[in-house]
């Protein structure tokens, strides 16, 4: 296995894990209705960017395109709640 492949696998693991944790935190913040919407949508945006990086590195183009819609949703949420 090449050095680049090993590096990409490590980055993918980091992006996948961190993106998942942030997405779960986003969902809990929004569902809790505790006034933390700005933080929640910020976490969603960061999560979408991490997942987009994962999609790019792993050449999962449909997944990458999906992240565009999640990022757009996060930006709409940030604009509407700010």
Protein backbone atom coordinates (compact mmCIF):
# COMPACT_ATOMS: atom_id res chain seq x y z
CA UNK A 1 0.00 0.00 0.00
CA UNK A 2 1.39 3.41 -0.94
CA UNK A 3 2.11 6.15 1.55
CA UNK A 4 -0.57 8.34 -0.05
CA UNK A 5 -3.19 5.61 0.31
CA UNK A 6 -2.34 5.11 3.99
CA UNK A 7 -2.48 8.87 4.60
CA UNK A 8 -5.84 9.13 2.81
CA UNK A 9 -7.26 6.25 4.84
CA UNK A 10 -6.23 7.98 8.08
CA UNK A 11 -7.79 11.26 6.92
CA UNK A 12 -10.97 9.49 5.83
CA UNK A 13 -11.27 7.85 9.26
CA UNK A 14 -10.80 11.22 10.99
CA UNK A 15 -13.30 12.98 8.68
CA UNK A 16 -15.84 10.17 9.03
CA UNK A 17 -15.63 9.97 12.83
CA UNK A 18 -15.54 13.71 13.50
CA UNK A 19 -18.26 14.43 10.94
CA UNK A 20 -20.50 11.77 12.48
CA UNK A 21 -20.05 13.06 16.03
CA UNK A 22 -20.75 16.64 14.94
CA UNK A 23 -23.85 15.56 12.99
CA UNK A 24 -25.18 13.75 16.07
CA UNK A 25 -24.53 16.81 18.22
CA UNK A 26 -26.33 18.96 15.62
CA UNK A 27 -29.36 16.68 15.67
CA UNK A 28 -29.54 16.71 19.47
CA UNK A 29 -29.16 20.50 19.67
CA UNK A 30 -31.90 21.14 17.12
CA UNK A 31 -34.25 18.52 18.59
CA UNK A 32 -33.73 19.81 22.14
CA UNK A 33 -35.21 23.21 21.24
CA UNK A 34 -32.99 24.90 23.81
CA UNK A 35 -32.00 27.95 21.80
CA UNK A 36 -28.78 26.47 20.47
CA UNK A 37 -29.80 26.55 16.82
CA UNK A 38 -26.84 28.66 15.67
CA UNK A 39 -24.38 26.24 17.26
CA UNK A 40 -26.32 23.30 15.83
CA UNK A 41 -26.32 24.61 12.26
CA UNK A 42 -22.63 25.53 12.59
CA UNK A 43 -21.90 21.93 13.59
CA UNK A 44 -23.96 20.71 10.63
CA UNK A 45 -21.93 22.89 8.27
CA UNK A 46 -18.62 21.65 9.66
CA UNK A 47 -19.89 18.07 9.50
CA UNK A 48 -20.94 18.49 5.86
CA UNK A 49 -17.52 19.91 4.98
CA UNK A 50 -15.76 17.01 6.67
CA UNK A 51 -18.01 14.50 4.90
CA UNK A 52 -17.40 16.33 1.61
CA UNK A 53 -13.64 15.97 2.13
CA UNK A 54 -14.17 12.27 2.83
CA UNK A 55 -16.23 11.92 -0.34
CA UNK A 56 -13.56 13.70 -2.36
CA UNK A 57 -10.70 11.58 -1.01
CA UNK A 58 -12.65 8.34 -1.41
CA UNK A 59 -14.03 9.35 -4.83
CA UNK A 60 -17.64 8.93 -3.68
CA UNK A 61 -19.14 11.54 -5.94
CA UNK A 62 -22.82 11.01 -5.06
CA UNK A 63 -21.93 11.32 -1.37
CA UNK A 64 -19.96 14.48 -2.12
CA UNK A 65 -22.95 15.99 -3.95
CA UNK A 66 -25.22 15.09 -1.02
CA UNK A 67 -22.96 17.10 1.28
CA UNK A 68 -23.55 20.16 -0.89
CA UNK A 69 -27.24 19.95 0.05
CA UNK A 70 -26.46 19.45 3.76
CA UNK A 71 -24.10 22.45 3.68
CA UNK A 72 -26.78 24.51 1.93
CA UNK A 73 -29.30 23.47 4.59
CA UNK A 74 -26.85 24.52 7.31
CA UNK A 75 -26.29 27.92 5.68
CA UNK A 76 -30.06 28.47 5.35
CA UNK A 77 -30.46 27.55 9.01
CA UNK A 78 -27.69 29.94 10.05
CA UNK A 79 -29.21 32.79 8.04
CA UNK A 80 -32.74 32.19 9.30
CA UNK A 81 -31.75 31.82 12.97
CA UNK A 82 -29.23 34.68 13.14
